[in-house]
Amino acid sequence: MDLTIYHNPSCSTSRKVLGFIRDAGIEPKIHLYLKEPLGVEALKNLLAKLEISPRELLRRNGTPYDELGLGNKSLPDDALIEAMAKYPLLIERPVIETDFAAVLCRPPEKAFEILGKA
């Protein structure tokens, strides 16, 4: 099974999830999303696999969330997705993805939702 982790190596949660993956005997594709941002279409596809709204994928702390006014509940999903594409720091991490599913690993143990299927 192919597995991708959208990873930030400076994040302890992301490092922990990467360890879970490797402990399961899987060497994932590591996508350093801060260096290689996801485009709008890739984010839409990922959100569809995650089965969550764009707002649920938004990271607030340590990001330009407040400066961009993203707390405004009247903003459409497309505006949130465009902001995450432009400012990848806004994407909550880590996310793991396979051909059939994706999960936002908050808390990190949510990784086992996919790893249990590996």
C-alpha atoms as a PDB file:
ATOM      1  CA  MET A   1       0.000   0.000   0.000  1.00  0.00           C
ATOM      2  CA  ASP A   2       1.216   3.479  -0.859  1.00  0.00           C
ATOM      3  CA  LEU A   3       1.004   5.903   2.043  1.00  0.00           C
ATOM      4  CA  THR A   4       1.820   9.605   2.075  1.00  0.00           C
ATOM      5  CA  ILE A   5       2.352  11.735   5.155  1.00  0.00           C
ATOM      6  CA  TYR A   6       1.938  15.492   4.834  1.00  0.00           C
ATOM      7  CA  HIS A   7       4.732  16.229   7.235  1.00  0.00           C
ATOM      8  CA  ASN A   8       6.361  19.079   9.086  1.00  0.00           C
ATOM      9  CA  PRO A   9       9.586  17.737  10.638  1.00  0.00           C
ATOM     10  CA  SER A  10       9.615  20.507  13.257  1.00  0.00           C
ATOM     11  CA  CYS A  11       6.264  19.302  14.651  1.00  0.00           C
ATOM     12  CA  SER A  12       6.495  16.690  17.404  1.00  0.00           C
ATOM     13  CA  THR A  13       3.064  15.276  16.545  1.00  0.00           C
ATOM     14  CA  SER A  14       4.091  14.866  12.928  1.00  0.00           C
ATOM     15  CA  ARG A  15       7.320  13.125  13.958  1.00  0.00           C
ATOM     16  CA  LYS A  16       5.365  10.819  16.266  1.00  0.00           C
ATOM     17  CA  VAL A  17       2.965   9.812  13.476  1.00  0.00           C
ATOM     18  CA  LEU A  18       5.897   9.180  11.139  1.00  0.00           C
ATOM     19  CA  GLY A  19       7.291   6.857  13.821  1.00  0.00           C
ATOM     20  CA  PHE A  20       3.951   5.000  14.045  1.00  0.00           C
ATOM     21  CA  ILE A  21       3.995   4.506  10.279  1.00  0.00           C
ATOM     22  CA  ARG A  22       7.536   3.182  10.236  1.00  0.00           C
ATOM     23  CA  ASP A  23       6.838   0.965  13.268  1.00  0.00           C
ATOM     24  CA  ALA A  24       4.037  -0.575  11.187  1.00  0.00           C
ATOM     25  CA  GLY A  25       6.677  -1.566   8.614  1.00  0.00           C
ATOM     26  CA  ILE A  26       5.690   1.066   6.061  1.00  0.00           C
ATOM     27  CA  GLU A  27       8.092   3.533   4.504  1.00  0.00           C
ATOM     28  CA  PRO A  28       5.823   6.414   3.476  1.00  0.00           C
ATOM     29  CA  LYS A  29       6.197   9.035   0.837  1.00  0.00           C
ATOM     30  CA  ILE A  30       7.020  12.138   2.856  1.00  0.00           C
ATOM     31  CA  HIS A  31       5.446  15.289   1.465  1.00  0.00           C
ATOM     32  CA  LEU A  32       7.001  18.357   3.070  1.00  0.00           C
ATOM     33  CA  TYR A  33       3.950  20.481   2.400  1.00  0.00           C
ATOM     34  CA  LEU A  34       5.538  23.708   3.677  1.00  0.00           C
ATOM     35  CA  LYS A  35       8.252  23.397   1.000  1.00  0.00           C
ATOM     36  CA  GLU A  36       5.976  21.869  -1.660  1.00  0.00           C
ATOM     37  CA  PRO A  37       2.564  23.477  -1.104  1.00  0.00           C
ATOM     38  CA  LEU A  38      -0.599  21.722  -2.201  1.00  0.00           C
ATOM     39  CA  GLY A  39      -2.596  23.461  -4.881  1.00  0.00           C
ATOM     40  CA  VAL A  40      -6.310  24.160  -4.699  1.00  0.00           C
ATOM     41  CA  GLU A  41      -7.317  20.978  -6.553  1.00  0.00           C
ATOM     42  CA  ALA A  42      -5.001  18.785  -4.471  1.00  0.00           C
ATOM     43  CA  LEU A  43      -6.484  20.279  -1.299  1.00  0.00           C
ATOM     44  CA  LYS A  44     -10.031  19.655  -2.550  1.00  0.00           C
ATOM     45  CA  ASN A  45      -9.153  16.035  -3.309  1.00  0.00           C
ATOM     46  CA  LEU A  46      -7.516  15.604   0.096  1.00  0.00           C
ATOM     47  CA  LEU A  47     -10.507  17.149   1.887  1.00  0.00           C
ATOM     48  CA  ALA A  48     -12.833  14.761   0.033  1.00  0.00           C
ATOM     49  CA  LYS A  49     -10.771  11.796   1.274  1.00  0.00           C
ATOM     50  CA  LEU A  50     -10.627  13.228   4.778  1.00  0.00           C
ATOM     51  CA  GLU A  51     -14.395  13.756   4.725  1.00  0.00           C
ATOM     52  CA  ILE A  52     -14.014  17.016   6.650  1.00  0.00           C
ATOM     53  CA  SER A  53     -14.704  20.648   5.859  1.00  0.00           C
ATOM     54  CA  PRO A  54     -11.941  23.089   4.958  1.00  0.00           C
ATOM     55  CA  ARG A  55     -12.492  24.852   8.285  1.00  0.00           C
ATOM     56  CA  GLU A  56     -11.699  21.590  10.127  1.00  0.00           C
ATOM     57  CA  LEU A  57      -8.313  21.425   8.368  1.00  0.00           C
ATOM     58  CA  LEU A  58      -7.353  25.004   9.276  1.00  0.00           C
ATOM     59  CA  ARG A  59      -4.575  25.481  11.779  1.00  0.00           C
ATOM     60  CA  ARG A  60      -4.974  28.583  13.900  1.00  0.00           C
ATOM     61  CA  ASN A  61      -1.978  28.828  16.243  1.00  0.00           C
ATOM     62  CA  GLY A  62       1.236  30.224  14.830  1.00  0.00           C
ATOM     63  CA  THR A  63      -0.328  31.012  11.458  1.00  0.00           C
ATOM     64  CA  PRO A  64      -1.734  34.055   9.631  1.00  0.00           C
ATOM     65  CA  TYR A  65      -5.274  32.810  10.487  1.00  0.00           C
ATOM     66  CA  ASP A  66      -6.259  35.921  12.461  1.00  0.00           C
ATOM     67  CA  GLU A  67      -4.540  38.420  10.144  1.00  0.00           C
ATOM     68  CA  LEU A  68      -6.400  36.916   7.173  1.00  0.00           C
ATOM     69  CA  GLY A  69      -9.751  37.075   8.970  1.00  0.00           C
ATOM     70  CA  LEU A  70     -10.325  33.350   8.535  1.00  0.00           C
ATOM     71  CA  GLY A  71     -12.427  33.193  11.679  1.00  0.00           C
ATOM     72  CA  ASN A  72     -15.192  34.933   9.724  1.00  0.00           C
ATOM     73  CA  LYS A  73     -17.856  32.196   9.491  1.00  0.00           C
ATOM     74  CA  SER A  74     -19.331  33.758   6.345  1.00  0.00           C
ATOM     75  CA  LEU A  75     -16.224  32.965   4.280  1.00  0.00           C
ATOM     76  CA  PRO A  76     -16.994  30.299   1.677  1.00  0.00           C
ATOM     77  CA  ASP A  77     -15.074  27.019   1.625  1.00  0.00           C
ATOM     78  CA  ASP A  78     -13.288  28.048  -1.587  1.00  0.00           C
ATOM     79  CA  ALA A  79     -11.794  31.081   0.176  1.00  0.00           C
ATOM     80  CA  LEU A  80     -10.457  28.869   2.969  1.00  0.00           C
ATOM     81  CA  ILE A  81      -8.980  26.401   0.484  1.00  0.00           C
ATOM     82  CA  GLU A  82      -7.333  29.203  -1.479  1.00  0.00           C
ATOM     83  CA  ALA A  83      -5.831  30.570   1.755  1.00  0.00           C
ATOM     84  CA  MET A  84      -4.404  27.141   2.639  1.00  0.00           C
ATOM     85  CA  ALA A  85      -2.955  26.809  -0.865  1.00  0.00           C
ATOM     86  CA  LYS A  86      -1.304  30.230  -0.585  1.00  0.00           C
ATOM     87  CA  TYR A  87      -0.232  29.842   3.064  1.00  0.00           C
ATOM     88  CA  PRO A  88       0.435  26.129   3.702  1.00  0.00           C
ATOM     89  CA  LEU A  89       1.220  26.853   7.353  1.00  0.00           C
ATOM     90  CA  LEU A  90      -2.572  27.114   7.719  1.00  0.00           C
ATOM     91  CA  ILE A  91      -2.947  23.360   7.097  1.00  0.00           C
ATOM     92  CA  GLU A  92      -3.278  21.320  10.277  1.00  0.00           C
ATOM     93  CA  ARG A  93      -0.806  18.486  10.519  1.00  0.00           C
ATOM     94  CA  PRO A  94      -0.047  15.710  10.149  1.00  0.00           C
ATOM     95  CA  VAL A  95      -2.300  14.161   7.545  1.00  0.00           C
ATOM     96  CA  ILE A  96      -1.743  10.667   6.214  1.00  0.00           C
ATOM     97  CA  GLU A  97      -3.243   9.480   2.943  1.00  0.00           C
ATOM     98  CA  THR A  98      -3.576   6.215   1.059  1.00  0.00           C
ATOM     99  CA  ASP A  99      -5.340   5.347  -2.166  1.00  0.00           C
ATOM    100  CA  PHE A 100      -8.579   4.730  -0.277  1.00  0.00           C
ATOM    101  CA  ALA A 101      -8.605   7.109   2.690  1.00  0.00           C
ATOM    102  CA  ALA A 102      -6.986   9.955   4.577  1.00  0.00           C
ATOM    103  CA  VAL A 103      -6.953  10.994   8.213  1.00  0.00           C
ATOM    104  CA  LEU A 104      -5.937  14.094  10.131  1.00  0.00           C
ATOM    105  CA  CYS A 105      -3.814  12.664  12.933  1.00  0.00           C
ATOM    106  CA  ARG A 106      -4.953  14.867  15.805  1.00  0.00           C
ATOM    107  CA  PRO A 107      -4.452  13.192  18.209  1.00  0.00           C
ATOM    108  CA  PRO A 108      -1.554  11.198  16.698  1.00  0.00           C
ATOM    109  CA  GLU A 109      -3.230   7.875  17.523  1.00  0.00           C
ATOM    110  CA  LYS A 110      -5.804   8.605  14.807  1.00  0.00           C
ATOM    111  CA  ALA A 111      -3.118   7.291  12.435  1.00  0.00           C
ATOM    112  CA  PHE A 112      -4.142   3.796  13.491  1.00  0.00           C
ATOM    113  CA  GLU A 113      -7.453   4.301  11.641  1.00  0.00           C
ATOM    114  CA  ILE A 114      -5.410   3.786   8.472  1.00  0.00           C
ATOM    115  CA  LEU A 115      -2.474   1.811   9.792  1.00  0.00           C
ATOM    116  CA  GLY A 116      -4.859  -0.811  11.146  1.00  0.00           C
ATOM    117  CA  LYS A 117      -5.972  -1.305   7.542  1.00  0.00           C
ATOM    118  CA  ALA A 118      -2.399  -1.513   6.215  1.00  0.00           C
END
